């Protein structure tokens, strides 16, 4: 009987080992800030909220002029630079810190078939540059405190034309 308790105890401790070694400190979709520019800082590295917590059904929480103004911003400035044979989705992921400063940008791209795709680097850098130029981001607020959050913008491109900005 004593050996049975020892066996159950050993199995229990062994199954918990993963959570002791790797306590899951990050959310799914976490953005690593190690490659961010030197002047970008998180306010609370242990409290990085995901975008779906921070958007709260209305873009006003992130981009005060609203989603229509954000679409207008990109539509007025987007230039496909003569690249008309590119279609798919370009997603720019980034963090908005508690001060409303955006940083730690990452770019991912997919074809219309949702498979990984490489877009023309000039087109990608153009969209990334437009996104980096926006300075009106608002940080995630809960109660009287502001926190860091990660978010994304996905651009649907069809034959070099910007069709839609998601979400």
C-alpha atoms as a PDB file:
ATOM      1  CA  UNK A   1       0.000   0.000   0.000  1.00  0.00           C
ATOM      2  CA  UNK A   2       2.855   2.345   0.869  1.00  0.00           C
ATOM      3  CA  UNK A   3       4.392   1.752  -2.576  1.00  0.00           C
ATOM      4  CA  UNK A   4       1.097   2.607  -4.249  1.00  0.00           C
ATOM      5  CA  UNK A   5       1.082   6.033  -2.582  1.00  0.00           C
ATOM      6  CA  UNK A   6       4.702   6.583  -3.577  1.00  0.00           C
ATOM      7  CA  UNK A   7       3.916   5.626  -7.184  1.00  0.00           C
ATOM      8  CA  UNK A   8       0.886   7.953  -7.339  1.00  0.00           C
ATOM      9  CA  UNK A   9       2.921  10.763  -5.790  1.00  0.00           C
ATOM     10  CA  UNK A  10       5.788  10.297  -8.260  1.00  0.00           C
ATOM     11  CA  UNK A  11       3.431  10.271 -11.249  1.00  0.00           C
ATOM     12  CA  UNK A  12       1.655  13.388  -9.958  1.00  0.00           C
ATOM     13  CA  UNK A  13       4.905  15.304  -9.484  1.00  0.00           C
ATOM     14  CA  UNK A  14       6.196  14.178 -12.879  1.00  0.00           C
ATOM     15  CA  UNK A  15       3.075  15.412 -14.649  1.00  0.00           C
ATOM     16  CA  UNK A  16       3.347  18.833 -12.960  1.00  0.00           C
ATOM     17  CA  UNK A  17       6.988  19.265 -13.930  1.00  0.00           C
ATOM     18  CA  UNK A  18       6.131  20.921 -17.260  1.00  0.00           C
ATOM     19  CA  UNK A  19       4.235  23.714 -15.528  1.00  0.00           C
ATOM     20  CA  UNK A  20       7.043  24.293 -13.062  1.00  0.00           C
ATOM     21  CA  UNK A  21       9.654  24.514 -15.838  1.00  0.00           C
ATOM     22  CA  UNK A  22       7.470  26.441 -18.336  1.00  0.00           C
ATOM     23  CA  UNK A  23       4.746  28.449 -16.541  1.00  0.00           C
ATOM     24  CA  UNK A  24       3.229  29.914 -19.778  1.00  0.00           C
ATOM     25  CA  UNK A  25       4.085  33.556 -19.177  1.00  0.00           C
ATOM     26  CA  UNK A  26       2.895  34.687 -22.612  1.00  0.00           C
ATOM     27  CA  UNK A  27      -0.418  34.762 -24.464  1.00  0.00           C
ATOM     28  CA  UNK A  28      -0.935  33.064 -27.819  1.00  0.00           C
ATOM     29  CA  UNK A  29       0.270  35.526 -30.438  1.00  0.00           C
ATOM     30  CA  UNK A  30       2.832  37.076 -28.103  1.00  0.00           C
ATOM     31  CA  UNK A  31       5.208  39.497 -29.831  1.00  0.00           C
ATOM     32  CA  UNK A  32       8.855  39.305 -28.804  1.00  0.00           C
ATOM     33  CA  UNK A  33      10.202  42.811 -28.160  1.00  0.00           C
ATOM     34  CA  UNK A  34      13.871  41.828 -28.307  1.00  0.00           C
ATOM     35  CA  UNK A  35      14.020  43.081 -31.919  1.00  0.00           C
ATOM     36  CA  UNK A  36      12.197  46.351 -31.193  1.00  0.00           C
ATOM     37  CA  UNK A  37      13.951  49.676 -31.562  1.00  0.00           C
ATOM     38  CA  UNK A  38      15.899  50.846 -28.528  1.00  0.00           C
ATOM     39  CA  UNK A  39      13.511  53.621 -27.513  1.00  0.00           C
ATOM     40  CA  UNK A  40      10.451  51.322 -27.327  1.00  0.00           C
ATOM     41  CA  UNK A  41       9.656  50.037 -23.855  1.00  0.00           C
ATOM     42  CA  UNK A  42       6.883  48.023 -22.304  1.00  0.00           C
ATOM     43  CA  UNK A  43       5.388  49.426 -19.125  1.00  0.00           C
ATOM     44  CA  UNK A  44       4.454  46.052 -17.656  1.00  0.00           C
ATOM     45  CA  UNK A  45       6.035  43.095 -19.432  1.00  0.00           C
ATOM     46  CA  UNK A  46       4.047  40.688 -17.266  1.00  0.00           C
ATOM     47  CA  UNK A  47       0.741  42.356 -18.270  1.00  0.00           C
ATOM     48  CA  UNK A  48       0.635  42.407 -22.048  1.00  0.00           C
ATOM     49  CA  UNK A  49      -3.023  42.188 -23.067  1.00  0.00           C
ATOM     50  CA  UNK A  50      -4.130  40.692 -26.409  1.00  0.00           C
ATOM     51  CA  UNK A  51      -5.954  42.837 -28.961  1.00  0.00           C
ATOM     52  CA  UNK A  52      -9.349  41.208 -28.467  1.00  0.00           C
ATOM     53  CA  UNK A  53      -9.330  42.369 -24.843  1.00  0.00           C
ATOM     54  CA  UNK A  54      -8.392  45.889 -25.814  1.00  0.00           C
ATOM     55  CA  UNK A  55     -10.664  46.532 -28.810  1.00  0.00           C
ATOM     56  CA  UNK A  56     -13.922  46.173 -26.853  1.00  0.00           C
ATOM     57  CA  UNK A  57     -16.186  46.208 -29.939  1.00  0.00           C
ATOM     58  CA  UNK A  58     -15.141  49.724 -30.989  1.00  0.00           C
ATOM     59  CA  UNK A  59     -12.017  51.000 -32.711  1.00  0.00           C
ATOM     60  CA  UNK A  60     -12.193  54.202 -30.664  1.00  0.00           C
ATOM     61  CA  UNK A  61     -10.225  52.411 -27.933  1.00  0.00           C
ATOM     62  CA  UNK A  62      -7.188  52.050 -30.173  1.00  0.00           C
ATOM     63  CA  UNK A  63      -7.504  54.659 -32.904  1.00  0.00           C
ATOM     64  CA  UNK A  64      -9.552  57.609 -31.608  1.00  0.00           C
ATOM     65  CA  UNK A  65     -10.671  59.024 -34.989  1.00  0.00           C
ATOM     66  CA  UNK A  66     -12.326  55.651 -35.711  1.00  0.00           C
ATOM     67  CA  UNK A  67     -11.990  52.833 -38.214  1.00  0.00           C
ATOM     68  CA  UNK A  68     -13.364  54.880 -41.122  1.00  0.00           C
ATOM     69  CA  UNK A  69     -10.611  57.452 -40.579  1.00  0.00           C
ATOM     70  CA  UNK A  70      -8.042  54.679 -40.450  1.00  0.00           C
ATOM     71  CA  UNK A  71      -9.309  53.308 -43.784  1.00  0.00           C
ATOM     72  CA  UNK A  72      -9.198  56.805 -45.272  1.00  0.00           C
ATOM     73  CA  UNK A  73      -5.619  57.256 -43.998  1.00  0.00           C
ATOM     74  CA  UNK A  74      -4.444  54.119 -45.807  1.00  0.00           C
ATOM     75  CA  UNK A  75      -6.550  54.651 -48.943  1.00  0.00           C
ATOM     76  CA  UNK A  76      -5.169  58.184 -49.401  1.00  0.00           C
ATOM     77  CA  UNK A  77      -1.545  57.112 -48.907  1.00  0.00           C
ATOM     78  CA  UNK A  78      -1.395  53.587 -50.333  1.00  0.00           C
ATOM     79  CA  UNK A  79       0.670  53.300 -53.501  1.00  0.00           C
ATOM     80  CA  UNK A  80       1.084  49.863 -55.069  1.00  0.00           C
ATOM     81  CA  UNK A  81       4.197  51.202 -56.837  1.00  0.00           C
ATOM     82  CA  UNK A  82       3.135  49.517 -60.069  1.00  0.00           C
ATOM     83  CA  UNK A  83       3.003  46.074 -58.451  1.00  0.00           C
ATOM     84  CA  UNK A  84      -0.228  44.624 -59.823  1.00  0.00           C
ATOM     85  CA  UNK A  85       0.415  40.881 -59.723  1.00  0.00           C
ATOM     86  CA  UNK A  86       0.258  40.498 -55.932  1.00  0.00           C
ATOM     87  CA  UNK A  87      -2.820  39.219 -54.061  1.00  0.00           C
ATOM     88  CA  UNK A  88      -3.343  38.024 -50.509  1.00  0.00           C
ATOM     89  CA  UNK A  89      -3.175  39.266 -46.944  1.00  0.00           C
ATOM     90  CA  UNK A  90      -0.410  41.269 -45.263  1.00  0.00           C
ATOM     91  CA  UNK A  91      -0.709  41.409 -41.487  1.00  0.00           C
ATOM     92  CA  UNK A  92       1.217  43.937 -39.418  1.00  0.00           C
ATOM     93  CA  UNK A  93       1.336  42.931 -35.737  1.00  0.00           C
ATOM     94  CA  UNK A  94       2.564  45.347 -33.099  1.00  0.00           C
ATOM     95  CA  UNK A  95       2.419  46.397 -29.475  1.00  0.00           C
ATOM     96  CA  UNK A  96       0.871  49.601 -28.163  1.00  0.00           C
ATOM     97  CA  UNK A  97       2.462  50.378 -24.810  1.00  0.00           C
ATOM     98  CA  UNK A  98       0.738  52.087 -21.877  1.00  0.00           C
ATOM     99  CA  UNK A  99       1.872  55.493 -23.205  1.00  0.00           C
ATOM    100  CA  UNK A 100       0.184  54.944 -26.597  1.00  0.00           C
ATOM    101  CA  UNK A 101       3.470  54.374 -28.448  1.00  0.00           C
ATOM    102  CA  UNK A 102       3.499  51.596 -31.054  1.00  0.00           C
ATOM    103  CA  UNK A 103       6.522  49.349 -31.517  1.00  0.00           C
ATOM    104  CA  UNK A 104       7.850  45.809 -31.933  1.00  0.00           C
ATOM    105  CA  UNK A 105       6.338  45.491 -35.422  1.00  0.00           C
ATOM    106  CA  UNK A 106       6.140  42.106 -37.162  1.00  0.00           C
ATOM    107  CA  UNK A 107       4.856  41.320 -40.645  1.00  0.00           C
ATOM    108  CA  UNK A 108       3.249  38.080 -41.798  1.00  0.00           C
ATOM    109  CA  UNK A 109       1.774  37.417 -45.218  1.00  0.00           C
ATOM    110  CA  UNK A 110      -0.562  34.858 -46.745  1.00  0.00           C
ATOM    111  CA  UNK A 111      -1.896  34.232 -50.216  1.00  0.00           C
ATOM    112  CA  UNK A 112      -5.608  34.175 -50.974  1.00  0.00           C
ATOM    113  CA  UNK A 113      -5.411  30.415 -50.328  1.00  0.00           C
ATOM    114  CA  UNK A 114      -4.218  31.178 -46.743  1.00  0.00           C
ATOM    115  CA  UNK A 115      -0.819  29.605 -47.399  1.00  0.00           C
ATOM    116  CA  UNK A 116       2.359  31.525 -46.506  1.00  0.00           C
ATOM    117  CA  UNK A 117       3.366  33.855 -49.300  1.00  0.00           C
ATOM    118  CA  UNK A 118       6.175  36.307 -49.960  1.00  0.00           C
ATOM    119  CA  UNK A 119       5.020  39.674 -51.231  1.00  0.00           C
ATOM    120  CA  UNK A 120       7.174  42.201 -53.017  1.00  0.00           C
ATOM    121  CA  UNK A 121       9.375  43.701 -50.243  1.00  0.00           C
ATOM    122  CA  UNK A 122       8.685  47.270 -51.430  1.00  0.00           C
ATOM    123  CA  UNK A 123       4.938  46.765 -51.025  1.00  0.00           C
ATOM    124  CA  UNK A 124       5.376  45.249 -47.555  1.00  0.00           C
ATOM    125  CA  UNK A 125       7.741  48.028 -46.438  1.00  0.00           C
ATOM    126  CA  UNK A 126       5.312  50.651 -47.742  1.00  0.00           C
ATOM    127  CA  UNK A 127       2.425  49.279 -45.631  1.00  0.00           C
ATOM    128  CA  UNK A 128       4.721  48.844 -42.637  1.00  0.00           C
ATOM    129  CA  UNK A 129       5.956  52.424 -42.995  1.00  0.00           C
ATOM    130  CA  UNK A 130       2.402  53.771 -43.152  1.00  0.00           C
ATOM    131  CA  UNK A 131       1.514  51.823 -40.008  1.00  0.00           C
ATOM    132  CA  UNK A 132       4.613  53.014 -38.135  1.00  0.00           C
ATOM    133  CA  UNK A 133       3.790  56.631 -39.030  1.00  0.00           C
ATOM    134  CA  UNK A 134       0.486  56.561 -37.104  1.00  0.00           C
ATOM    135  CA  UNK A 135       0.896  58.278 -33.737  1.00  0.00           C
ATOM    136  CA  UNK A 136      -2.701  58.433 -32.484  1.00  0.00           C
ATOM    137  CA  UNK A 137      -2.878  55.012 -30.837  1.00  0.00           C
ATOM    138  CA  UNK A 138      -4.521  54.801 -27.431  1.00  0.00           C
ATOM    139  CA  UNK A 139      -3.337  52.291 -24.866  1.00  0.00           C
ATOM    140  CA  UNK A 140      -5.597  49.653 -23.345  1.00  0.00           C
ATOM    141  CA  UNK A 141      -7.310  51.065 -20.259  1.00  0.00           C
ATOM    142  CA  UNK A 142      -8.854  49.179 -17.387  1.00  0.00           C
ATOM    143  CA  UNK A 143     -10.212  51.262 -14.539  1.00  0.00           C
ATOM    144  CA  UNK A 144      -7.797  54.130 -13.972  1.00  0.00           C
ATOM    145  CA  UNK A 145      -4.757  52.259 -15.290  1.00  0.00           C
ATOM    146  CA  UNK A 146      -3.328  51.921 -18.782  1.00  0.00           C
ATOM    147  CA  UNK A 147      -1.569  48.779 -19.970  1.00  0.00           C
ATOM    148  CA  UNK A 148       0.414  47.433 -22.912  1.00  0.00           C
ATOM    149  CA  UNK A 149      -1.464  45.420 -25.531  1.00  0.00           C
ATOM    150  CA  UNK A 150      -0.620  43.681 -28.783  1.00  0.00           C
ATOM    151  CA  UNK A 151      -2.776  44.098 -31.840  1.00  0.00           C
ATOM    152  CA  UNK A 152      -2.747  43.759 -35.614  1.00  0.00           C
ATOM    153  CA  UNK A 153      -3.981  45.202 -38.882  1.00  0.00           C
ATOM    154  CA  UNK A 154      -4.511  42.916 -41.865  1.00  0.00           C
ATOM    155  CA  UNK A 155      -4.527  44.372 -45.355  1.00  0.00           C
ATOM    156  CA  UNK A 156      -6.349  42.472 -48.095  1.00  0.00           C
ATOM    157  CA  UNK A 157      -4.558  43.057 -51.392  1.00  0.00           C
ATOM    158  CA  UNK A 158      -6.003  42.014 -54.761  1.00  0.00           C
ATOM    159  CA  UNK A 159      -3.824  42.507 -57.845  1.00  0.00           C
ATOM    160  CA  UNK A 160      -1.898  45.241 -56.048  1.00  0.00           C
ATOM    161  CA  UNK A 161      -4.996  47.146 -54.892  1.00  0.00           C
ATOM    162  CA  UNK A 162      -5.832  47.631 -51.209  1.00  0.00           C
ATOM    163  CA  UNK A 163      -9.346  46.227 -50.849  1.00  0.00           C
ATOM    164  CA  UNK A 164      -9.905  46.011 -47.113  1.00  0.00           C
ATOM    165  CA  UNK A 165      -8.368  46.606 -43.692  1.00  0.00           C
ATOM    166  CA  UNK A 166      -9.197  44.004 -41.069  1.00  0.00           C
ATOM    167  CA  UNK A 167     -10.318  43.586 -38.319  1.00  0.00           C
END
